[in-house]
PDB file of all heavy atoms in Angstrom:
ATOM      1  N   GLU A   1     -20.259  -2.450  15.495  1.00  0.00           N
ATOM      2  CA  GLU A   1     -19.063  -3.087  16.042  1.00  0.00           C
ATOM      3  C   GLU A   1     -18.908  -2.770  17.533  1.00  0.00           C
ATOM      4  O   GLU A   1     -18.652  -3.668  18.344  1.00  0.00           O
ATOM      5  CB  GLU A   1     -17.834  -2.606  15.268  1.00  0.00           C
ATOM      6  CG  GLU A   1     -16.520  -3.172  15.753  1.00  0.00           C
ATOM      7  CD  GLU A   1     -15.351  -2.640  14.943  1.00  0.00           C
ATOM      8  OE1 GLU A   1     -15.529  -2.355  13.748  1.00  0.00           O
ATOM      9  OE2 GLU A   1     -14.259  -2.490  15.521  1.00  0.00           O
ATOM     10  N   VAL A   2     -19.091  -1.496  17.879  1.00  0.00           N
ATOM     11  CA  VAL A   2     -19.008  -1.100  19.289  1.00  0.00           C
ATOM     12  C   VAL A   2     -20.074  -1.815  20.112  1.00  0.00           C
ATOM     13  O   VAL A   2     -19.811  -2.323  21.202  1.00  0.00           O
ATOM     14  CB  VAL A   2     -19.136   0.427  19.423  1.00  0.00           C
ATOM     15  CG1 VAL A   2     -19.307   0.821  20.892  1.00  0.00           C
ATOM     16  CG2 VAL A   2     -17.927   1.127  18.830  1.00  0.00           C
ATOM     17  N   SER A   3     -21.289  -1.863  19.581  1.00  0.00           N
ATOM     18  CA  SER A   3     -22.383  -2.509  20.301  1.00  0.00           C
ATOM     19  C   SER A   3     -22.114  -3.992  20.517  1.00  0.00           C
ATOM     20  O   SER A   3     -22.331  -4.530  21.616  1.00  0.00           O
ATOM     21  CB  SER A   3     -23.697  -2.321  19.541  1.00  0.00           C
ATOM     22  OG  SER A   3     -24.064  -0.955  19.474  1.00  0.00           O
ATOM     23  N   ALA A   4     -21.638  -4.686  19.465  1.00  0.00           N
ATOM     24  CA  ALA A   4     -21.351  -6.111  19.585  1.00  0.00           C
ATOM     25  C   ALA A   4     -20.254  -6.365  20.609  1.00  0.00           C
ATOM     26  O   ALA A   4     -20.338  -7.294  21.421  1.00  0.00           O
ATOM     27  CB  ALA A   4     -20.953  -6.680  18.223  1.00  0.00           C
ATOM     28  N   HIS A   5     -19.223  -5.528  20.580  1.00  0.00           N
ATOM     29  CA  HIS A   5     -18.118  -5.679  21.525  1.00  0.00           C
ATOM     30  C   HIS A   5     -18.592  -5.408  22.954  1.00  0.00           C
ATOM     31  O   HIS A   5     -18.283  -6.168  23.883  1.00  0.00           O
ATOM     32  CB  HIS A   5     -16.994  -4.710  21.131  1.00  0.00           C
ATOM     33  CG  HIS A   5     -15.648  -5.109  21.658  1.00  0.00           C
ATOM     34  ND1 HIS A   5     -14.503  -4.382  21.393  1.00  0.00           N
ATOM     35  CD2 HIS A   5     -15.247  -6.131  22.444  1.00  0.00           C
ATOM     36  CE1 HIS A   5     -13.473  -4.957  21.973  1.00  0.00           C
ATOM     37  NE2 HIS A   5     -13.890  -5.998  22.624  1.00  0.00           N
ATOM     38  N   ALA A   6     -19.356  -4.330  23.152  1.00  0.00           N
ATOM     39  CA  ALA A   6     -19.860  -3.995  24.483  1.00  0.00           C
ATOM     40  C   ALA A   6     -20.753  -5.103  25.030  1.00  0.00           C
ATOM     41  O   ALA A   6     -20.657  -5.476  26.208  1.00  0.00           O
ATOM     42  CB  ALA A   6     -20.614  -2.667  24.439  1.00  0.00           C
ATOM     43  N   ASN A   7     -21.630  -5.642  24.196  1.00  0.00           N
ATOM     44  CA  ASN A   7     -22.528  -6.721  24.643  1.00  0.00           C
ATOM     45  C   ASN A   7     -21.730  -7.962  25.046  1.00  0.00           C
ATOM     46  O   ASN A   7     -22.064  -8.632  26.037  1.00  0.00           O
ATOM     47  CB  ASN A   7     -23.520  -7.077  23.541  1.00  0.00           C
ATOM     48  CG  ASN A   7     -24.527  -5.972  23.286  1.00  0.00           C
ATOM     49  OD1 ASN A   7     -24.764  -5.110  24.141  1.00  0.00           O
ATOM     50  ND2 ASN A   7     -25.140  -5.978  22.110  1.00  0.00           N
ATOM     51  N   ALA A   8     -20.674  -8.265  24.290  1.00  0.00           N
ATOM     52  CA  ALA A   8     -19.844  -9.421  24.627  1.00  0.00           C
ATOM     53  C   ALA A   8     -19.109  -9.205  25.945  1.00  0.00           C
ATOM     54  O   ALA A   8     -18.944 -10.139  26.744  1.00  0.00           O
ATOM     55  CB  ALA A   8     -18.852  -9.690  23.493  1.00  0.00           C
ATOM     56  N   ILE A   9     -18.655  -7.966  26.189  1.00  0.00           N
ATOM     57  CA  ILE A   9     -17.991  -7.651  27.456  1.00  0.00           C
ATOM     58  C   ILE A   9     -18.951  -7.857  28.625  1.00  0.00           C
ATOM     59  O   ILE A   9     -18.608  -8.468  29.634  1.00  0.00           O
ATOM     60  CB  ILE A   9     -17.458  -6.205  27.448  1.00  0.00           C
ATOM     61  CG1 ILE A   9     -16.376  -6.036  26.378  1.00  0.00           C
ATOM     62  CG2 ILE A   9     -16.913  -5.818  28.821  1.00  0.00           C
ATOM     63  CD1 ILE A   9     -16.027  -4.567  26.102  1.00  0.00           C
ATOM     64  N   VAL A  10     -20.164  -7.335  28.485  1.00  0.00           N
ATOM     65  CA  VAL A  10     -21.162  -7.454  29.548  1.00  0.00           C
ATOM     66  C   VAL A  10     -21.484  -8.921  29.824  1.00  0.00           C
ATOM     67  O   VAL A  10     -21.545  -9.356  30.984  1.00  0.00           O
ATOM     68  CB  VAL A  10     -22.437  -6.673  29.184  1.00  0.00           C
ATOM     69  CG1 VAL A  10     -23.561  -6.982  30.173  1.00  0.00           C
ATOM     70  CG2 VAL A  10     -22.149  -5.171  29.164  1.00  0.00           C
ATOM     71  N   GLU A  11     -21.675  -9.695  28.763  1.00  0.00           N
ATOM     72  CA  GLU A  11     -21.999 -11.108  28.931  1.00  0.00           C
ATOM     73  C   GLU A  11     -20.884 -11.844  29.672  1.00  0.00           C
ATOM     74  O   GLU A  11     -21.142 -12.616  30.605  1.00  0.00           O
ATOM     75  CB  GLU A  11     -22.241 -11.751  27.571  1.00  0.00           C
ATOM     76  CG  GLU A  11     -22.641 -13.222  27.647  1.00  0.00           C
ATOM     77  CD  GLU A  11     -22.895 -13.830  26.284  1.00  0.00           C
ATOM     78  OE1 GLU A  11     -22.870 -13.074  25.276  1.00  0.00           O
ATOM     79  OE2 GLU A  11     -23.121 -15.063  26.213  1.00  0.00           O
ATOM     80  N   LEU A  12     -19.634 -11.602  29.274  1.00  0.00           N
ATOM     81  CA  LEU A  12     -18.509 -12.251  29.941  1.00  0.00           C
ATOM     82  C   LEU A  12     -18.377 -11.770  31.383  1.00  0.00           C
ATOM     83  O   LEU A  12     -18.150 -12.568  32.303  1.00  0.00           O
ATOM     84  CB  LEU A  12     -17.223 -11.972  29.171  1.00  0.00           C
ATOM     85  CG  LEU A  12     -15.920 -12.425  29.829  1.00  0.00           C
ATOM     86  CD1 LEU A  12     -15.915 -13.930  30.043  1.00  0.00           C
ATOM     87  CD2 LEU A  12     -14.714 -11.981  29.000  1.00  0.00           C
ATOM     88  N   ALA A  13     -18.523 -10.468  31.590  1.00  0.00           N
ATOM     89  CA  ALA A  13     -18.330  -9.898  32.926  1.00  0.00           C
ATOM     90  C   ALA A  13     -19.353 -10.421  33.919  1.00  0.00           C
ATOM     91  O   ALA A  13     -19.040 -10.598  35.107  1.00  0.00           O
ATOM     92  CB  ALA A  13     -18.389  -8.374  32.850  1.00  0.00           C
ATOM     93  N   ARG A  14     -20.567 -10.681  33.482  1.00  0.00           N
ATOM     94  CA  ARG A  14     -21.582 -11.212  34.386  1.00  0.00           C
ATOM     95  C   ARG A  14     -21.265 -12.634  34.810  1.00  0.00           C
ATOM     96  O   ARG A  14     -21.712 -13.077  35.871  1.00  0.00           O
ATOM     97  CB  ARG A  14     -22.954 -11.107  33.729  1.00  0.00           C
ATOM     98  CG  ARG A  14     -23.484  -9.667  33.721  1.00  0.00           C
ATOM     99  CD  ARG A  14     -24.767  -9.526  32.940  1.00  0.00           C
ATOM    100  NE  ARG A  14     -25.326  -8.171  33.147  1.00  0.00           N
ATOM    101  CZ  ARG A  14     -26.289  -7.653  32.411  1.00  0.00           C
ATOM    102  NH1 ARG A  14     -26.811  -8.357  31.392  1.00  0.00           N
ATOM    103  NH2 ARG A  14     -26.731  -6.421  32.655  1.00  0.00           N
ATOM    104  N   GLN A  15     -20.449 -13.334  34.019  1.00  0.00           N
ATOM    105  CA  GLN A  15     -20.019 -14.669  34.399  1.00  0.00           C
ATOM    106  C   GLN A  15     -18.735 -14.633  35.223  1.00  0.00           C
ATOM    107  O   GLN A  15     -18.628 -15.300  36.254  1.00  0.00           O
ATOM    108  CB  GLN A  15     -19.790 -15.518  33.145  1.00  0.00           C
ATOM    109  CG  GLN A  15     -21.018 -15.699  32.260  1.00  0.00           C
ATOM    110  CD  GLN A  15     -20.680 -16.364  30.949  1.00  0.00           C
ATOM    111  OE1 GLN A  15     -19.696 -17.077  30.826  1.00  0.00           O
ATOM    112  NE2 GLN A  15     -21.484 -16.123  29.916  1.00  0.00           N
ATOM    113  N   TRP A  16     -17.764 -13.854  34.770  1.00  0.00           N
ATOM    114  CA  TRP A  16     -16.429 -13.871  35.378  1.00  0.00           C
ATOM    115  C   TRP A  16     -16.239 -12.800  36.456  1.00  0.00           C
ATOM    116  O   TRP A  16     -15.414 -12.954  37.343  1.00  0.00           O
ATOM    117  CB  TRP A  16     -15.382 -13.695  34.267  1.00  0.00           C
ATOM    118  CG  TRP A  16     -13.966 -13.860  34.726  1.00  0.00           C
ATOM    119  CD1 TRP A  16     -13.430 -14.942  35.353  1.00  0.00           C
ATOM    120  CD2 TRP A  16     -12.916 -12.895  34.585  1.00  0.00           C
ATOM    121  NE1 TRP A  16     -12.093 -14.710  35.593  1.00  0.00           N
ATOM    122  CE2 TRP A  16     -11.757 -13.473  35.134  1.00  0.00           C
ATOM    123  CE3 TRP A  16     -12.840 -11.617  34.024  1.00  0.00           C
ATOM    124  CZ2 TRP A  16     -10.535 -12.807  35.156  1.00  0.00           C
ATOM    125  CZ3 TRP A  16     -11.642 -10.952  34.040  1.00  0.00           C
ATOM    126  CH2 TRP A  16     -10.509 -11.545  34.611  1.00  0.00           C
ATOM    127  N   ARG A  17     -16.989 -11.714  36.406  1.00  0.00           N
ATOM    128  CA  ARG A  17     -17.014 -10.652  37.402  1.00  0.00           C
ATOM    129  C   ARG A  17     -15.649  -9.977  37.594  1.00  0.00           C
ATOM    130  O   ARG A  17     -15.047 -10.033  38.661  1.00  0.00           O
ATOM    131  CB  ARG A  17     -17.550 -11.175  38.741  1.00  0.00           C
ATOM    132  CG  ARG A  17     -18.935 -11.800  38.634  1.00  0.00           C
ATOM    133  CD  ARG A  17     -19.460 -12.225  39.978  1.00  0.00           C
ATOM    134  NE  ARG A  17     -19.751 -11.075  40.827  1.00  0.00           N
ATOM    135  CZ  ARG A  17     -20.865 -10.346  40.738  1.00  0.00           C
ATOM    136  NH1 ARG A  17     -21.805 -10.653  39.842  1.00  0.00           N
ATOM    137  NH2 ARG A  17     -21.054  -9.309  41.528  1.00  0.00           N
ATOM    138  N   PRO A  18     -15.125  -9.306  36.554  1.00  0.00           N
ATOM    139  CA  PRO A  18     -13.874  -8.553  36.711  1.00  0.00           C
ATOM    140  C   PRO A  18     -14.055  -7.346  37.611  1.00  0.00           C
ATOM    141  O   PRO A  18     -15.159  -6.794  37.737  1.00  0.00           O
ATOM    142  CB  PRO A  18     -13.547  -8.121  35.273  1.00  0.00           C
ATOM    143  CG  PRO A  18     -14.888  -8.036  34.607  1.00  0.00           C
ATOM    144  CD  PRO A  18     -15.693  -9.159  35.203  1.00  0.00           C
ATOM    145  N   ASP A  19     -12.954  -6.925  38.241  1.00  0.00           N
ATOM    146  CA  ASP A  19     -12.978  -5.720  39.067  1.00  0.00           C
ATOM    147  C   ASP A  19     -12.774  -4.455  38.241  1.00  0.00           C
ATOM    148  O   ASP A  19     -13.294  -3.386  38.583  1.00  0.00           O
ATOM    149  CB  ASP A  19     -11.872  -5.800  40.134  1.00  0.00           C
ATOM    150  CG  ASP A  19     -12.057  -6.962  41.075  1.00  0.00           C
ATOM    151  OD1 ASP A  19     -12.999  -6.920  41.889  1.00  0.00           O
ATOM    152  OD2 ASP A  19     -11.261  -7.933  40.993  1.00  0.00           O
ATOM    153  N   VAL A  20     -12.001  -4.562  37.159  1.00  0.00           N
ATOM    154  CA  VAL A  20     -11.639  -3.414  36.333  1.00  0.00           C
ATOM    155  C   VAL A  20     -11.688  -3.815  34.863  1.00  0.00           C
ATOM    156  O   VAL A  20     -11.303  -4.925  34.504  1.00  0.00           O
ATOM    157  CB  VAL A  20     -10.210  -2.918  36.674  1.00  0.00           C
ATOM    158  CG1 VAL A  20      -9.789  -1.790  35.725  1.00  0.00           C
ATOM    159  CG2 VAL A  20     -10.120  -2.451  38.113  1.00  0.00           C
ATOM    160  N   LEU A  21     -12.173  -2.898  34.027  1.00  0.00           N
ATOM    161  CA  LEU A  21     -12.031  -3.035  32.583  1.00  0.00           C
ATOM    162  C   LEU A  21     -10.859  -2.161  32.149  1.00  0.00           C
ATOM    163  O   LEU A  21     -10.838  -0.958  32.405  1.00  0.00           O
ATOM    164  CB  LEU A  21     -13.295  -2.593  31.848  1.00  0.00           C
ATOM    165  CG  LEU A  21     -14.579  -3.357  32.139  1.00  0.00           C
ATOM    166  CD1 LEU A  21     -15.731  -2.789  31.307  1.00  0.00           C
ATOM    167  CD2 LEU A  21     -14.417  -4.850  31.869  1.00  0.00           C
ATOM    168  N   HIS A  22      -9.881  -2.762  31.506  1.00  0.00           N
ATOM    169  CA  HIS A  22      -8.709  -2.038  31.021  1.00  0.00           C
ATOM    170  C   HIS A  22      -8.743  -2.093  29.501  1.00  0.00           C
ATOM    171  O   HIS A  22      -8.382  -3.104  28.884  1.00  0.00           O
ATOM    172  CB  HIS A  22      -7.428  -2.687  31.570  1.00  0.00           C
ATOM    173  CG  HIS A  22      -6.172  -1.947  31.230  1.00  0.00           C
ATOM    174  ND1 HIS A  22      -5.073  -1.900  32.074  1.00  0.00           N
ATOM    175  CD2 HIS A  22      -5.808  -1.228  30.120  1.00  0.00           C
ATOM    176  CE1 HIS A  22      -4.112  -1.207  31.500  1.00  0.00           C
ATOM    177  NE2 HIS A  22      -4.529  -0.790  30.319  1.00  0.00           N
ATOM    178  N   ALA A  23      -9.192  -1.006  28.882  1.00  0.00           N
ATOM    179  CA  ALA A  23      -9.341  -0.947  27.428  1.00  0.00           C
ATOM    180  C   ALA A  23      -8.091  -0.369  26.792  1.00  0.00           C
ATOM    181  O   ALA A  23      -7.426   0.500  27.347  1.00  0.00           O
ATOM    182  CB  ALA A  23     -10.553  -0.094  27.058  1.00  0.00           C
ATOM    183  N   HIS A  24      -7.795  -0.855  25.604  1.00  0.00           N
ATOM    184  CA  HIS A  24      -6.634  -0.408  24.846  1.00  0.00           C
ATOM    185  C   HIS A  24      -7.100   0.151  23.507  1.00  0.00           C
ATOM    186  O   HIS A  24      -7.970  -0.430  22.861  1.00  0.00           O
ATOM    187  CB  HIS A  24      -5.657  -1.570  24.627  1.00  0.00           C
ATOM    188  CG  HIS A  24      -5.198  -2.223  25.900  1.00  0.00           C
ATOM    189  ND1 HIS A  24      -3.945  -2.020  26.428  1.00  0.00           N
ATOM    190  CD2 HIS A  24      -5.848  -3.068  26.753  1.00  0.00           C
ATOM    191  CE1 HIS A  24      -3.835  -2.720  27.554  1.00  0.00           C
ATOM    192  NE2 HIS A  24      -4.967  -3.362  27.776  1.00  0.00           N
ATOM    193  N   SER A  25      -6.530   1.281  23.095  1.00  0.00           N
ATOM    194  CA  SER A  25      -6.915   1.877  21.831  1.00  0.00           C
ATOM    195  C   SER A  25      -6.849   0.839  20.698  1.00  0.00           C
ATOM    196  O   SER A  25      -6.130  -0.158  20.810  1.00  0.00           O
ATOM    197  CB  SER A  25      -6.004   3.068  21.512  1.00  0.00           C
ATOM    198  OG  SER A  25      -4.629   2.680  21.473  1.00  0.00           O
ATOM    199  N   PRO A  26      -7.693   1.076  19.657  1.00  0.00           N
ATOM    200  CA  PRO A  26      -8.311   2.329  19.241  1.00  0.00           C
ATOM    201  C   PRO A  26      -9.549   2.692  20.048  1.00  0.00           C
ATOM    202  O   PRO A  26     -10.024   1.910  20.884  1.00  0.00           O
ATOM    203  CB  PRO A  26      -8.684   2.061  17.783  1.00  0.00           C
ATOM    204  CG  PRO A  26      -8.951   0.582  17.736  1.00  0.00           C
ATOM    205  CD  PRO A  26      -7.922  -0.002  18.660  1.00  0.00           C
ATOM    206  N   ALA A  27     -10.060   3.873  19.734  1.00  0.00           N
ATOM    207  CA  ALA A  27     -11.164   4.434  20.506  1.00  0.00           C
ATOM    208  C   ALA A  27     -12.419   3.572  20.445  1.00  0.00           C
ATOM    209  O   ALA A  27     -13.231   3.603  21.379  1.00  0.00           O
ATOM    210  CB  ALA A  27     -11.474   5.852  20.017  1.00  0.00           C
ATOM    211  N   LEU A  28     -12.606   2.784  19.377  1.00  0.00           N
ATOM    212  CA  LEU A  28     -13.779   1.914  19.304  1.00  0.00           C
ATOM    213  C   LEU A  28     -13.778   0.916  20.448  1.00  0.00           C
ATOM    214  O   LEU A  28     -14.828   0.633  21.042  1.00  0.00           O
ATOM    215  CB  LEU A  28     -13.824   1.186  17.958  1.00  0.00           C
ATOM    216  CG  LEU A  28     -14.060   2.050  16.710  1.00  0.00           C
ATOM    217  CD1 LEU A  28     -14.063   1.178  15.461  1.00  0.00           C
ATOM    218  CD2 LEU A  28     -15.361   2.838  16.814  1.00  0.00           C
ATOM    219  N   ALA A  29     -12.608   0.350  20.773  1.00  0.00           N
ATOM    220  CA  ALA A  29     -12.519  -0.564  21.909  1.00  0.00           C
ATOM    221  C   ALA A  29     -12.759   0.182  23.214  1.00  0.00           C
ATOM    222  O   ALA A  29     -13.410  -0.331  24.128  1.00  0.00           O
ATOM    223  CB  ALA A  29     -11.149  -1.253  21.924  1.00  0.00           C
ATOM    224  N   GLY A  30     -12.220   1.413  23.301  1.00  0.00           N
ATOM    225  CA  GLY A  30     -12.451   2.212  24.490  1.00  0.00           C
ATOM    226  C   GLY A  30     -13.914   2.533  24.700  1.00  0.00           C
ATOM    227  O   GLY A  30     -14.431   2.466  25.824  1.00  0.00           O
ATOM    228  N   LEU A  31     -14.620   2.886  23.616  1.00  0.00           N
ATOM    229  CA  LEU A  31     -16.037   3.210  23.724  1.00  0.00           C
ATOM    230  C   LEU A  31     -16.846   1.984  24.141  1.00  0.00           C
ATOM    231  O   LEU A  31     -17.766   2.090  24.968  1.00  0.00           O
ATOM    232  CB  LEU A  31     -16.546   3.755  22.394  1.00  0.00           C
ATOM    233  CG  LEU A  31     -17.999   4.234  22.358  1.00  0.00           C
ATOM    234  CD1 LEU A  31     -18.236   5.329  23.382  1.00  0.00           C
ATOM    235  CD2 LEU A  31     -18.357   4.738  20.948  1.00  0.00           C
ATOM    236  N   ALA A  32     -16.504   0.810  23.586  1.00  0.00           N
ATOM    237  CA  ALA A  32     -17.194  -0.424  23.978  1.00  0.00           C
ATOM    238  C   ALA A  32     -17.012  -0.689  25.463  1.00  0.00           C
ATOM    239  O   ALA A  32     -17.954  -1.071  26.170  1.00  0.00           O
ATOM    240  CB  ALA A  32     -16.670  -1.591  23.155  1.00  0.00           C
ATOM    241  N   ALA A  33     -15.788  -0.491  25.968  1.00  0.00           N
ATOM    242  CA  ALA A  33     -15.523  -0.711  27.386  1.00  0.00           C
ATOM    243  C   ALA A  33     -16.300   0.264  28.256  1.00  0.00           C
ATOM    244  O   ALA A  33     -16.828  -0.113  29.317  1.00  0.00           O
ATOM    245  CB  ALA A  33     -14.020  -0.590  27.650  1.00  0.00           C
ATOM    246  N   ILE A  34     -16.376   1.518  27.842  1.00  0.00           N
ATOM    247  CA  ILE A  34     -17.106   2.517  28.624  1.00  0.00           C
ATOM    248  C   ILE A  34     -18.596   2.191  28.676  1.00  0.00           C
ATOM    249  O   ILE A  34     -19.227   2.268  29.738  1.00  0.00           O
ATOM    250  CB  ILE A  34     -16.843   3.916  28.060  1.00  0.00           C
ATOM    251  CG1 ILE A  34     -15.416   4.336  28.420  1.00  0.00           C
ATOM    252  CG2 ILE A  34     -17.848   4.936  28.600  1.00  0.00           C
ATOM    253  CD1 ILE A  34     -14.934   5.552  27.766  1.00  0.00           C
ATOM    254  N   ARG A  35     -19.166   1.796  27.538  1.00  0.00           N
ATOM    255  CA  ARG A  35     -20.575   1.406  27.542  1.00  0.00           C
ATOM    256  C   ARG A  35     -20.804   0.231  28.485  1.00  0.00           C
ATOM    257  O   ARG A  35     -21.759   0.212  29.266  1.00  0.00           O
ATOM    258  CB  ARG A  35     -21.027   1.065  26.126  1.00  0.00           C
ATOM    259  CG  ARG A  35     -21.145   2.266  25.209  1.00  0.00           C
ATOM    260  CD  ARG A  35     -21.648   1.888  23.829  1.00  0.00           C
ATOM    261  NE  ARG A  35     -22.945   1.245  23.848  1.00  0.00           N
ATOM    262  CZ  ARG A  35     -23.616   0.873  22.763  1.00  0.00           C
ATOM    263  NH1 ARG A  35     -23.099   1.111  21.563  1.00  0.00           N
ATOM    264  NH2 ARG A  35     -24.790   0.312  22.852  1.00  0.00           N
ATOM    265  N   ALA A  36     -19.915  -0.757  28.421  1.00  0.00           N
ATOM    266  CA  ALA A  36     -20.065  -1.922  29.288  1.00  0.00           C
ATOM    267  C   ALA A  36     -19.817  -1.553  30.747  1.00  0.00           C
ATOM    268  O   ALA A  36     -20.539  -2.003  31.650  1.00  0.00           O
ATOM    269  CB  ALA A  36     -19.098  -3.020  28.845  1.00  0.00           C
ATOM    270  N   GLY A  37     -18.790  -0.733  30.999  1.00  0.00           N
ATOM    271  CA  GLY A  37     -18.475  -0.353  32.370  1.00  0.00           C
ATOM    272  C   GLY A  37     -19.591   0.402  33.051  1.00  0.00           C
ATOM    273  O   GLY A  37     -19.866   0.204  34.244  1.00  0.00           O
ATOM    274  N   ARG A  38     -20.260   1.283  32.315  1.00  0.00           N
ATOM    275  CA  ARG A  38     -21.376   2.022  32.889  1.00  0.00           C
ATOM    276  C   ARG A  38     -22.511   1.069  33.239  1.00  0.00           C
ATOM    277  O   ARG A  38     -23.164   1.208  34.279  1.00  0.00           O
ATOM    278  CB  ARG A  38     -21.863   3.102  31.917  1.00  0.00           C
ATOM    279  CG  ARG A  38     -20.826   4.173  31.612  1.00  0.00           C
ATOM    280  CD  ARG A  38     -20.517   5.000  32.851  1.00  0.00           C
ATOM    281  NE  ARG A  38     -19.580   6.059  32.565  1.00  0.00           N
ATOM    282  CZ  ARG A  38     -18.254   5.956  32.709  1.00  0.00           C
ATOM    283  NH1 ARG A  38     -17.733   4.799  33.138  1.00  0.00           N
ATOM    284  NH2 ARG A  38     -17.460   6.970  32.434  1.00  0.00           N
ATOM    285  N   LYS A  39     -22.759   0.116  32.375  1.00  0.00           N
ATOM    286  CA  LYS A  39     -23.825  -0.845  32.624  1.00  0.00           C
ATOM    287  C   LYS A  39     -23.497  -1.755  33.801  1.00  0.00           C
ATOM    288  O   LYS A  39     -24.369  -2.093  34.611  1.00  0.00           O
ATOM    289  CB  LYS A  39     -24.063  -1.686  31.369  1.00  0.00           C
ATOM    290  CG  LYS A  39     -25.358  -2.465  31.378  1.00  0.00           C
ATOM    291  CD  LYS A  39     -25.670  -3.017  29.995  1.00  0.00           C
ATOM    292  CE  LYS A  39     -27.060  -3.601  29.923  1.00  0.00           C
ATOM    293  NZ  LYS A  39     -27.399  -4.027  28.531  1.00  0.00           N
TER     294      LYS A  39
END
């Protein structure tokens, strides 16, 4: 679930180019955002 969410974030971000990722609990969403943000 985390991997699928992170991959979707990365795919969208490469198109839309956000300045900040603002993740909201639970921690699974936070972990997905951190994986995507690092990438």
